[in-house]
Amino acid sequence: MTLEELSAIMAYLRERVQLGPKKAKDPVLIEFQGPTKQEMVGAGLNAEGVELILSAPWWEEMVADIIETPDFCESDDSPQQVLEYARDVVSDYVQKRVSLKAD
């Protein structure tokens, strides 16, 4: 897997992080629809990289951290800012935990 392929996987996962419906008790809700391997490979992403990330022992922790992002934000952060923070969780996990093998 190349850096470009890893970046494409990360961008795909970041786009799966969305604002949830507005509810009275929660100023901002974050949703993450976890993709299947078939969806990701079907989107043209590197199959080896997809398998590596979806089967990673930290995957469930990352998903929980994404959804819990609003709990760690300031009350005056805009929904778009909270969304960007949640998307950054994906980037942080992938960048820190996936290493590319040198050829």
PDB file of N, CA and C in Angstrom:
ATOM      1  N   MET A   1       0.856  -1.174   0.000  1.00  0.00           N
ATOM      2  CA  MET A   1       0.000   0.000   0.000  1.00  0.00           C
ATOM      3  C   MET A   1       0.898   1.232   0.000  1.00  0.00           C
ATOM      4  N   THR A   2       0.574   2.161  -0.858  1.00  0.00           N
ATOM      5  CA  THR A   2       1.345   3.398  -0.952  1.00  0.00           C
ATOM      6  C   THR A   2       0.754   4.462  -0.036  1.00  0.00           C
ATOM      7  N   LEU A   3       1.507   5.519   0.140  1.00  0.00           N
ATOM      8  CA  LEU A   3       1.012   6.654   0.927  1.00  0.00           C
ATOM      9  C   LEU A   3      -0.252   7.228   0.294  1.00  0.00           C
ATOM     10  N   GLU A   4      -0.275   7.289  -1.018  1.00  0.00           N
ATOM     11  CA  GLU A   4      -1.458   7.797  -1.721  1.00  0.00           C
ATOM     12  C   GLU A   4      -2.679   6.904  -1.467  1.00  0.00           C
ATOM     13  N   GLU A   5      -2.473   5.598  -1.464  1.00  0.00           N
ATOM     14  CA  GLU A   5      -3.589   4.678  -1.205  1.00  0.00           C
ATOM     15  C   GLU A   5      -4.078   4.799   0.239  1.00  0.00           C
ATOM     16  N   LEU A   6      -3.157   4.942   1.172  1.00  0.00           N
ATOM     17  CA  LEU A   6      -3.529   5.132   2.569  1.00  0.00           C
ATOM     18  C   LEU A   6      -4.280   6.455   2.744  1.00  0.00           C
ATOM     19  N   SER A   7      -3.829   7.488   2.078  1.00  0.00           N
ATOM     20  CA  SER A   7      -4.503   8.793   2.142  1.00  0.00           C
ATOM     21  C   SER A   7      -5.926   8.700   1.589  1.00  0.00           C
ATOM     22  N   ALA A   8      -6.108   7.913   0.545  1.00  0.00           N
ATOM     23  CA  ALA A   8      -7.442   7.741  -0.037  1.00  0.00           C
ATOM     24  C   ALA A   8      -8.371   7.024   0.941  1.00  0.00           C
ATOM     25  N   ILE A   9      -7.852   6.014   1.633  1.00  0.00           N
ATOM     26  CA  ILE A   9      -8.653   5.310   2.643  1.00  0.00           C
ATOM     27  C   ILE A   9      -9.033   6.264   3.768  1.00  0.00           C
ATOM     28  N   MET A  10      -8.069   7.047   4.222  1.00  0.00           N
ATOM     29  CA  MET A  10      -8.322   8.006   5.300  1.00  0.00           C
ATOM     30  C   MET A  10      -9.375   9.031   4.870  1.00  0.00           C
ATOM     31  N   ALA A  11      -9.272   9.549   3.660  1.00  0.00           N
ATOM     32  CA  ALA A  11     -10.248  10.527   3.167  1.00  0.00           C
ATOM     33  C   ALA A  11     -11.645   9.901   3.087  1.00  0.00           C
ATOM     34  N   TYR A  12     -11.715   8.665   2.634  1.00  0.00           N
ATOM     35  CA  TYR A  12     -12.993   7.961   2.544  1.00  0.00           C
ATOM     36  C   TYR A  12     -13.627   7.836   3.933  1.00  0.00           C
ATOM     37  N   LEU A  13     -12.835   7.406   4.905  1.00  0.00           N
ATOM     38  CA  LEU A  13     -13.355   7.245   6.263  1.00  0.00           C
ATOM     39  C   LEU A  13     -13.753   8.591   6.870  1.00  0.00           C
ATOM     40  N   ARG A  14     -12.980   9.623   6.617  1.00  0.00           N
ATOM     41  CA  ARG A  14     -13.320  10.964   7.124  1.00  0.00           C
ATOM     42  C   ARG A  14     -14.675  11.415   6.588  1.00  0.00           C
ATOM     43  N   GLU A  15     -14.959  11.115   5.343  1.00  0.00           N
ATOM     44  CA  GLU A  15     -16.238  11.521   4.749  1.00  0.00           C
ATOM     45  C   GLU A  15     -17.417  10.751   5.331  1.00  0.00           C
ATOM     46  N   ARG A  16     -17.152   9.590   5.919  1.00  0.00           N
ATOM     47  CA  ARG A  16     -18.214   8.801   6.555  1.00  0.00           C
ATOM     48  C   ARG A  16     -18.637   9.408   7.899  1.00  0.00           C
ATOM     49  N   VAL A  17     -17.847  10.310   8.433  1.00  0.00           N
ATOM     50  CA  VAL A  17     -18.167  10.996   9.685  1.00  0.00           C
ATOM     51  C   VAL A  17     -19.083  12.174   9.328  1.00  0.00           C
ATOM     52  N   GLN A  18     -20.278  12.175   9.886  1.00  0.00           N
ATOM     53  CA  GLN A  18     -21.274  13.185   9.547  1.00  0.00           C
ATOM     54  C   GLN A  18     -21.945  13.738  10.809  1.00  0.00           C
ATOM     55  N   LEU A  19     -22.554  14.890  10.647  1.00  0.00           N
ATOM     56  CA  LEU A  19     -23.373  15.437  11.730  1.00  0.00           C
ATOM     57  C   LEU A  19     -24.671  14.634  11.789  1.00  0.00           C
ATOM     58  N   GLY A  20     -25.077  14.296  13.000  1.00  0.00           N
ATOM     59  CA  GLY A  20     -26.334  13.591  13.188  1.00  0.00           C
ATOM     60  C   GLY A  20     -27.478  14.590  13.289  1.00  0.00           C
ATOM     61  N   PRO A  21     -28.684  14.079  13.431  1.00  0.00           N
ATOM     62  CA  PRO A  21     -29.844  14.968  13.549  1.00  0.00           C
ATOM     63  C   PRO A  21     -29.768  15.796  14.831  1.00  0.00           C
ATOM     64  N   LYS A  22     -30.261  17.002  14.749  1.00  0.00           N
ATOM     65  CA  LYS A  22     -30.262  17.909  15.909  1.00  0.00           C
ATOM     66  C   LYS A  22     -31.311  17.436  16.906  1.00  0.00           C
ATOM     67  N   LYS A  23     -30.873  17.232  18.141  1.00  0.00           N
ATOM     68  CA  LYS A  23     -31.789  16.834  19.211  1.00  0.00           C
ATOM     69  C   LYS A  23     -31.716  17.869  20.307  1.00  0.00           C
ATOM     70  N   ALA A  24     -32.797  18.053  21.012  1.00  0.00           N
ATOM     71  CA  ALA A  24     -32.887  19.099  22.029  1.00  0.00           C
ATOM     72  C   ALA A  24     -31.812  18.964  23.107  1.00  0.00           C
ATOM     73  N   LYS A  25     -31.543  17.751  23.572  1.00  0.00           N
ATOM     74  CA  LYS A  25     -30.591  17.590  24.675  1.00  0.00           C
ATOM     75  C   LYS A  25     -29.136  17.616  24.230  1.00  0.00           C
ATOM     76  N   ASP A  26     -28.879  17.345  22.960  1.00  0.00           N
ATOM     77  CA  ASP A  26     -27.512  17.321  22.446  1.00  0.00           C
ATOM     78  C   ASP A  26     -27.322  18.426  21.422  1.00  0.00           C
ATOM     79  N   PRO A  27     -26.416  19.373  21.701  1.00  0.00           N
ATOM     80  CA  PRO A  27     -26.202  20.443  20.726  1.00  0.00           C
ATOM     81  C   PRO A  27     -25.636  19.924  19.406  1.00  0.00           C
ATOM     82  N   VAL A  28     -24.779  18.895  19.476  1.00  0.00           N
ATOM     83  CA  VAL A  28     -24.178  18.331  18.270  1.00  0.00           C
ATOM     84  C   VAL A  28     -24.075  16.817  18.432  1.00  0.00           C
ATOM     85  N   LEU A  29     -24.550  16.103  17.431  1.00  0.00           N
ATOM     86  CA  LEU A  29     -24.400  14.656  17.394  1.00  0.00           C
ATOM     87  C   LEU A  29     -23.513  14.291  16.220  1.00  0.00           C
ATOM     88  N   ILE A  30     -22.640  13.345  16.433  1.00  0.00           N
ATOM     89  CA  ILE A  30     -21.772  12.860  15.370  1.00  0.00           C
ATOM     90  C   ILE A  30     -22.168  11.420  15.062  1.00  0.00           C
ATOM     91  N   GLU A  31     -22.258  11.109  13.777  1.00  0.00           N
ATOM     92  CA  GLU A  31     -22.557   9.758  13.343  1.00  0.00           C
ATOM     93  C   GLU A  31     -21.414   9.244  12.477  1.00  0.00           C
ATOM     94  N   PHE A  32     -21.166   7.958  12.589  1.00  0.00           N
ATOM     95  CA  PHE A  32     -20.165   7.318  11.734  1.00  0.00           C
ATOM     96  C   PHE A  32     -20.748   6.006  11.261  1.00  0.00           C
ATOM     97  N   GLN A  33     -20.988   5.924   9.983  1.00  0.00           N
ATOM     98  CA  GLN A  33     -21.491   4.696   9.389  1.00  0.00           C
ATOM     99  C   GLN A  33     -20.290   3.866   8.961  1.00  0.00           C
ATOM    100  N   GLY A  34     -19.948   2.899   9.779  1.00  0.00           N
ATOM    101  CA  GLY A  34     -18.793   2.051   9.479  1.00  0.00           C
ATOM    102  C   GLY A  34     -18.991   1.309   8.166  1.00  0.00           C
ATOM    103  N   PRO A  35     -18.059   1.459   7.255  1.00  0.00           N
ATOM    104  CA  PRO A  35     -18.195   0.810   5.954  1.00  0.00           C
ATOM    105  C   PRO A  35     -17.805  -0.664   6.014  1.00  0.00           C
ATOM    106  N   THR A  36     -18.256  -1.412   5.039  1.00  0.00           N
ATOM    107  CA  THR A  36     -17.821  -2.792   4.894  1.00  0.00           C
ATOM    108  C   THR A  36     -16.608  -2.829   3.977  1.00  0.00           C
ATOM    109  N   LYS A  37     -15.907  -3.937   4.034  1.00  0.00           N
ATOM    110  CA  LYS A  37     -14.757  -4.111   3.146  1.00  0.00           C
ATOM    111  C   LYS A  37     -15.210  -4.005   1.688  1.00  0.00           C
ATOM    112  N   GLN A  38     -16.342  -4.614   1.372  1.00  0.00           N
ATOM    113  CA  GLN A  38     -16.855  -4.586   0.005  1.00  0.00           C
ATOM    114  C   GLN A  38     -17.148  -3.167  -0.470  1.00  0.00           C
ATOM    115  N   GLU A  39     -17.725  -2.356   0.401  1.00  0.00           N
ATOM    116  CA  GLU A  39     -18.004  -0.963   0.041  1.00  0.00           C
ATOM    117  C   GLU A  39     -16.713  -0.206  -0.270  1.00  0.00           C
ATOM    118  N   MET A  40     -15.724  -0.410   0.578  1.00  0.00           N
ATOM    119  CA  MET A  40     -14.481   0.333   0.413  1.00  0.00           C
ATOM    120  C   MET A  40     -13.705  -0.118  -0.825  1.00  0.00           C
ATOM    121  N   VAL A  41     -13.621  -1.423  -1.023  1.00  0.00           N
ATOM    122  CA  VAL A  41     -12.930  -1.927  -2.214  1.00  0.00           C
ATOM    123  C   VAL A  41     -13.705  -1.522  -3.459  1.00  0.00           C
ATOM    124  N   GLY A  42     -15.025  -1.564  -3.372  1.00  0.00           N
ATOM    125  CA  GLY A  42     -15.877  -1.135  -4.480  1.00  0.00           C
ATOM    126  C   GLY A  42     -15.690   0.336  -4.827  1.00  0.00           C
ATOM    127  N   ALA A  43     -15.246   1.112  -3.853  1.00  0.00           N
ATOM    128  CA  ALA A  43     -14.983   2.536  -4.080  1.00  0.00           C
ATOM    129  C   ALA A  43     -13.580   2.749  -4.653  1.00  0.00           C
ATOM    130  N   GLY A  44     -12.889   1.637  -4.929  1.00  0.00           N
ATOM    131  CA  GLY A  44     -11.571   1.740  -5.556  1.00  0.00           C
ATOM    132  C   GLY A  44     -10.407   1.846  -4.584  1.00  0.00           C
ATOM    133  N   LEU A  45     -10.652   1.539  -3.310  1.00  0.00           N
ATOM    134  CA  LEU A  45      -9.591   1.645  -2.316  1.00  0.00           C
ATOM    135  C   LEU A  45      -8.765   0.356  -2.275  1.00  0.00           C
ATOM    136  N   ASN A  46      -7.538   0.477  -1.844  1.00  0.00           N
ATOM    137  CA  ASN A  46      -6.599  -0.639  -1.776  1.00  0.00           C
ATOM    138  C   ASN A  46      -7.127  -1.720  -0.834  1.00  0.00           C
ATOM    139  N   ALA A  47      -7.334  -2.940  -1.360  1.00  0.00           N
ATOM    140  CA  ALA A  47      -7.931  -4.025  -0.588  1.00  0.00           C
ATOM    141  C   ALA A  47      -7.081  -4.424   0.620  1.00  0.00           C
ATOM    142  N   GLU A  48      -5.775  -4.462   0.453  1.00  0.00           N
ATOM    143  CA  GLU A  48      -4.882  -4.816   1.561  1.00  0.00           C
ATOM    144  C   GLU A  48      -4.986  -3.780   2.680  1.00  0.00           C
ATOM    145  N   GLY A  49      -4.986  -2.515   2.311  1.00  0.00           N
ATOM    146  CA  GLY A  49      -5.094  -1.444   3.296  1.00  0.00           C
ATOM    147  C   GLY A  49      -6.440  -1.435   3.994  1.00  0.00           C
ATOM    148  N   VAL A  50      -7.491  -1.691   3.230  1.00  0.00           N
ATOM    149  CA  VAL A  50      -8.840  -1.754   3.801  1.00  0.00           C
ATOM    150  C   VAL A  50      -8.902  -2.857   4.848  1.00  0.00           C
ATOM    151  N   GLU A  51      -8.408  -4.035   4.505  1.00  0.00           N
ATOM    152  CA  GLU A  51      -8.410  -5.174   5.428  1.00  0.00           C
ATOM    153  C   GLU A  51      -7.604  -4.849   6.678  1.00  0.00           C
ATOM    154  N   LEU A  52      -6.447  -4.251   6.501  1.00  0.00           N
ATOM    155  CA  LEU A  52      -5.575  -3.891   7.614  1.00  0.00           C
ATOM    156  C   LEU A  52      -6.293  -2.965   8.601  1.00  0.00           C
ATOM    157  N   ILE A  53      -6.959  -1.966   8.084  1.00  0.00           N
ATOM    158  CA  ILE A  53      -7.612  -0.977   8.951  1.00  0.00           C
ATOM    159  C   ILE A  53      -8.890  -1.529   9.575  1.00  0.00           C
ATOM    160  N   LEU A  54      -9.732  -2.184   8.782  1.00  0.00           N
ATOM    161  CA  LEU A  54     -10.997  -2.691   9.325  1.00  0.00           C
ATOM    162  C   LEU A  54     -10.792  -3.804  10.351  1.00  0.00           C
ATOM    163  N   SER A  55      -9.686  -4.521  10.263  1.00  0.00           N
ATOM    164  CA  SER A  55      -9.439  -5.606  11.216  1.00  0.00           C
ATOM    165  C   SER A  55      -8.499  -5.188  12.348  1.00  0.00           C
ATOM    166  N   ALA A  56      -8.129  -3.928  12.373  1.00  0.00           N
ATOM    167  CA  ALA A  56      -7.196  -3.443  13.398  1.00  0.00           C
ATOM    168  C   ALA A  56      -7.826  -3.543  14.788  1.00  0.00           C
ATOM    169  N   PRO A  57      -7.018  -3.868  15.797  1.00  0.00           N
ATOM    170  CA  PRO A  57      -7.551  -3.974  17.151  1.00  0.00           C
ATOM    171  C   PRO A  57      -8.061  -2.637  17.702  1.00  0.00           C
ATOM    172  N   TRP A  58      -7.659  -1.539  17.113  1.00  0.00           N
ATOM    173  CA  TRP A  58      -8.071  -0.211  17.585  1.00  0.00           C
ATOM    174  C   TRP A  58      -9.306   0.322  16.850  1.00  0.00           C
ATOM    175  N   TRP A  59      -9.840  -0.418  15.888  1.00  0.00           N
ATOM    176  CA  TRP A  59     -10.966   0.066  15.077  1.00  0.00           C
ATOM    177  C   TRP A  59     -12.156   0.480  15.946  1.00  0.00           C
ATOM    178  N   GLU A  60     -12.609  -0.386  16.835  1.00  0.00           N
ATOM    179  CA  GLU A  60     -13.785  -0.087  17.668  1.00  0.00           C
ATOM    180  C   GLU A  60     -13.524   1.117  18.585  1.00  0.00           C
ATOM    181  N   GLU A  61     -12.310   1.225  19.093  1.00  0.00           N
ATOM    182  CA  GLU A  61     -11.947   2.372  19.933  1.00  0.00           C
ATOM    183  C   GLU A  61     -12.031   3.660  19.120  1.00  0.00           C
ATOM    184  N   MET A  62     -11.551   3.614  17.877  1.00  0.00           N
ATOM    185  CA  MET A  62     -11.613   4.794  17.024  1.00  0.00           C
ATOM    186  C   MET A  62     -13.069   5.201  16.774  1.00  0.00           C
ATOM    187  N   VAL A  63     -13.906   4.234  16.466  1.00  0.00           N
ATOM    188  CA  VAL A  63     -15.319   4.526  16.211  1.00  0.00           C
ATOM    189  C   VAL A  63     -15.960   5.169  17.440  1.00  0.00           C
ATOM    190  N   ALA A  64     -15.675   4.628  18.608  1.00  0.00           N
ATOM    191  CA  ALA A  64     -16.216   5.209  19.851  1.00  0.00           C
ATOM    192  C   ALA A  64     -15.711   6.629  20.043  1.00  0.00           C
ATOM    193  N   ASP A  65     -14.433   6.860  19.802  1.00  0.00           N
ATOM    194  CA  ASP A  65     -13.863   8.203  19.960  1.00  0.00           C
ATOM    195  C   ASP A  65     -14.492   9.186  18.973  1.00  0.00           C
ATOM    196  N   ILE A  66     -14.770   8.743  17.778  1.00  0.00           N
ATOM    197  CA  ILE A  66     -15.424   9.610  16.785  1.00  0.00           C
ATOM    198  C   ILE A  66     -16.775  10.068  17.316  1.00  0.00           C
ATOM    199  N   ILE A  67     -17.580   9.113  17.746  1.00  0.00           N
ATOM    200  CA  ILE A  67     -18.946   9.407  18.185  1.00  0.00           C
ATOM    201  C   ILE A  67     -18.955  10.235  19.472  1.00  0.00           C
ATOM    202  N   GLU A  68     -17.960  10.033  20.322  1.00  0.00           N
ATOM    203  CA  GLU A  68     -17.888  10.762  21.594  1.00  0.00           C
ATOM    204  C   GLU A  68     -17.214  12.130  21.475  1.00  0.00           C
ATOM    205  N   THR A  69     -16.771  12.498  20.307  1.00  0.00           N
ATOM    206  CA  THR A  69     -16.072  13.774  20.121  1.00  0.00           C
ATOM    207  C   THR A  69     -16.814  14.965  20.724  1.00  0.00           C
ATOM    208  N   PRO A  70     -18.137  15.098  20.522  1.00  0.00           N
ATOM    209  CA  PRO A  70     -18.813  16.276  21.094  1.00  0.00           C
ATOM    210  C   PRO A  70     -18.656  16.403  22.607  1.00  0.00           C
ATOM    211  N   ASP A  71     -18.466  15.275  23.297  1.00  0.00           N
ATOM    212  CA  ASP A  71     -18.307  15.310  24.752  1.00  0.00           C
ATOM    213  C   ASP A  71     -17.045  16.053  25.177  1.00  0.00           C
ATOM    214  N   PHE A  72     -16.085  16.178  24.279  1.00  0.00           N
ATOM    215  CA  PHE A  72     -14.808  16.804  24.602  1.00  0.00           C
ATOM    216  C   PHE A  72     -14.653  18.205  24.007  1.00  0.00           C
ATOM    217  N   CYS A  73     -15.712  18.695  23.400  1.00  0.00           N
ATOM    218  CA  CYS A  73     -15.671  20.010  22.765  1.00  0.00           C
ATOM    219  C   CYS A  73     -16.255  21.076  23.679  1.00  0.00           C
ATOM    220  N   GLU A  74     -15.905  22.293  23.376  1.00  0.00           N
ATOM    221  CA  GLU A  74     -16.443  23.427  24.122  1.00  0.00           C
ATOM    222  C   GLU A  74     -17.892  23.674  23.688  1.00  0.00           C
ATOM    223  N   SER A  75     -18.684  24.208  24.583  1.00  0.00           N
ATOM    224  CA  SER A  75     -20.099  24.437  24.275  1.00  0.00           C
ATOM    225  C   SER A  75     -20.300  25.468  23.168  1.00  0.00           C
ATOM    226  N   ASP A  76     -19.310  26.336  22.964  1.00  0.00           N
ATOM    227  CA  ASP A  76     -19.464  27.347  21.912  1.00  0.00           C
ATOM    228  C   ASP A  76     -18.818  26.924  20.586  1.00  0.00           C
ATOM    229  N   ASP A  77     -18.317  25.681  20.499  1.00  0.00           N
ATOM    230  CA  ASP A  77     -17.805  25.188  19.216  1.00  0.00           C
ATOM    231  C   ASP A  77     -18.974  24.983  18.266  1.00  0.00           C
ATOM    232  N   SER A  78     -18.815  25.427  17.045  1.00  0.00           N
ATOM    233  CA  SER A  78     -19.880  25.264  16.060  1.00  0.00           C
ATOM    234  C   SER A  78     -20.000  23.801  15.651  1.00  0.00           C
ATOM    235  N   PRO A  79     -21.173  23.401  15.160  1.00  0.00           N
ATOM    236  CA  PRO A  79     -21.319  22.021  14.679  1.00  0.00           C
ATOM    237  C   PRO A  79     -20.270  21.651  13.631  1.00  0.00           C
ATOM    238  N   GLN A  80     -19.932  22.580  12.758  1.00  0.00           N
ATOM    239  CA  GLN A  80     -18.923  22.295  11.729  1.00  0.00           C
ATOM    240  C   GLN A  80     -17.547  22.069  12.360  1.00  0.00           C
ATOM    241  N   GLN A  81     -17.236  22.810  13.411  1.00  0.00           N
ATOM    242  CA  GLN A  81     -15.953  22.631  14.098  1.00  0.00           C
ATOM    243  C   GLN A  81     -15.910  21.274  14.794  1.00  0.00           C
ATOM    244  N   VAL A  82     -17.006  20.900  15.437  1.00  0.00           N
ATOM    245  CA  VAL A  82     -17.079  19.600  16.101  1.00  0.00           C
ATOM    246  C   VAL A  82     -16.950  18.482  15.059  1.00  0.00           C
ATOM    247  N   LEU A  83     -17.591  18.649  13.916  1.00  0.00           N
ATOM    248  CA  LEU A  83     -17.478  17.678  12.836  1.00  0.00           C
ATOM    249  C   LEU A  83     -16.030  17.535  12.382  1.00  0.00           C
ATOM    250  N   GLU A  84     -15.345  18.639  12.243  1.00  0.00           N
ATOM    251  CA  GLU A  84     -13.937  18.591  11.825  1.00  0.00           C
ATOM    252  C   GLU A  84     -13.073  17.896  12.881  1.00  0.00           C
ATOM    253  N   TYR A  85     -13.351  18.158  14.158  1.00  0.00           N
ATOM    254  CA  TYR A  85     -12.626  17.464  15.226  1.00  0.00           C
ATOM    255  C   TYR A  85     -12.860  15.956  15.123  1.00  0.00           C
ATOM    256  N   ALA A  86     -14.109  15.559  14.887  1.00  0.00           N
ATOM    257  CA  ALA A  86     -14.430  14.131  14.781  1.00  0.00           C
ATOM    258  C   ALA A  86     -13.723  13.503  13.581  1.00  0.00           C
ATOM    259  N   ARG A  87     -13.674  14.223  12.479  1.00  0.00           N
ATOM    260  CA  ARG A  87     -12.958  13.710  11.308  1.00  0.00           C
ATOM    261  C   ARG A  87     -11.463  13.616  11.579  1.00  0.00           C
ATOM    262  N   ASP A  88     -10.954  14.528  12.395  1.00  0.00           N
ATOM    263  CA  ASP A  88      -9.542  14.483  12.757  1.00  0.00           C
ATOM    264  C   ASP A  88      -9.200  13.233  13.577  1.00  0.00           C
ATOM    265  N   VAL A  89     -10.186  12.699  14.282  1.00  0.00           N
ATOM    266  CA  VAL A  89      -9.961  11.459  15.030  1.00  0.00           C
ATOM    267  C   VAL A  89      -9.539  10.354  14.065  1.00  0.00           C
ATOM    268  N   VAL A  90     -10.206  10.276  12.919  1.00  0.00           N
ATOM    269  CA  VAL A  90      -9.847   9.279  11.904  1.00  0.00           C
ATOM    270  C   VAL A  90      -8.400   9.478  11.485  1.00  0.00           C
ATOM    271  N   SER A  91      -8.065  10.693  11.131  1.00  0.00           N
ATOM    272  CA  SER A  91      -6.698  10.988  10.679  1.00  0.00           C
ATOM    273  C   SER A  91      -5.675  10.628  11.736  1.00  0.00           C
ATOM    274  N   ASP A  92      -5.944  10.999  12.983  1.00  0.00           N
ATOM    275  CA  ASP A  92      -4.998  10.725  14.067  1.00  0.00           C
ATOM    276  C   ASP A  92      -4.777   9.225  14.250  1.00  0.00           C
ATOM    277  N   TYR A  93      -5.859   8.472  14.282  1.00  0.00           N
ATOM    278  CA  TYR A  93      -5.729   7.028  14.462  1.00  0.00           C
ATOM    279  C   TYR A  93      -4.949   6.394  13.317  1.00  0.00           C
ATOM    280  N   VAL A  94      -5.326   6.709  12.100  1.00  0.00           N
ATOM    281  CA  VAL A  94      -4.688   6.081  10.949  1.00  0.00           C
ATOM    282  C   VAL A  94      -3.219   6.491  10.849  1.00  0.00           C
ATOM    283  N   GLN A  95      -2.937   7.765  10.986  1.00  0.00           N
ATOM    284  CA  GLN A  95      -1.557   8.235  10.852  1.00  0.00           C
ATOM    285  C   GLN A  95      -0.640   7.666  11.929  1.00  0.00           C
ATOM    286  N   LYS A  96      -1.165   7.505  13.138  1.00  0.00           N
ATOM    287  CA  LYS A  96      -0.334   7.039  14.242  1.00  0.00           C
ATOM    288  C   LYS A  96      -0.214   5.509  14.300  1.00  0.00           C
ATOM    289  N   ARG A  97      -1.157   4.796  13.684  1.00  0.00           N
ATOM    290  CA  ARG A  97      -1.184   3.352  13.888  1.00  0.00           C
ATOM    291  C   ARG A  97      -0.934   2.520  12.628  1.00  0.00           C
ATOM    292  N   VAL A  98      -0.943   3.130  11.475  1.00  0.00           N
ATOM    293  CA  VAL A  98      -0.701   2.375  10.252  1.00  0.00           C
ATOM    294  C   VAL A  98       0.645   2.785   9.691  1.00  0.00           C
ATOM    295  N   SER A  99       1.513   1.814   9.571  1.00  0.00           N
ATOM    296  CA  SER A  99       2.830   2.112   9.006  1.00  0.00           C
ATOM    297  C   SER A  99       2.932   1.480   7.626  1.00  0.00           C
ATOM    298  N   LEU A 100       3.569   2.187   6.744  1.00  0.00           N
ATOM    299  CA  LEU A 100       3.779   1.699   5.385  1.00  0.00           C
ATOM    300  C   LEU A 100       5.119   0.975   5.334  1.00  0.00           C
ATOM    301  N   LYS A 101       5.115  -0.151   4.699  1.00  0.00           N
ATOM    302  CA  LYS A 101       6.349  -0.916   4.562  1.00  0.00           C
ATOM    303  C   LYS A 101       7.176  -0.331   3.431  1.00  0.00           C
ATOM    304  N   ALA A 102       8.458  -0.201   3.666  1.00  0.00           N
ATOM    305  CA  ALA A 102       9.358   0.281   2.613  1.00  0.00           C
ATOM    306  C   ALA A 102       9.570  -0.827   1.599  1.00  0.00           C
ATOM    307  N   ASP A 103       9.650  -0.445   0.343  1.00  0.00           N
ATOM    308  CA  ASP A 103       9.862  -1.445  -0.712  1.00  0.00           C
ATOM    309  C   ASP A 103      11.285  -1.933  -0.724  1.00  0.00           C
TER     310      ASP A 103
END
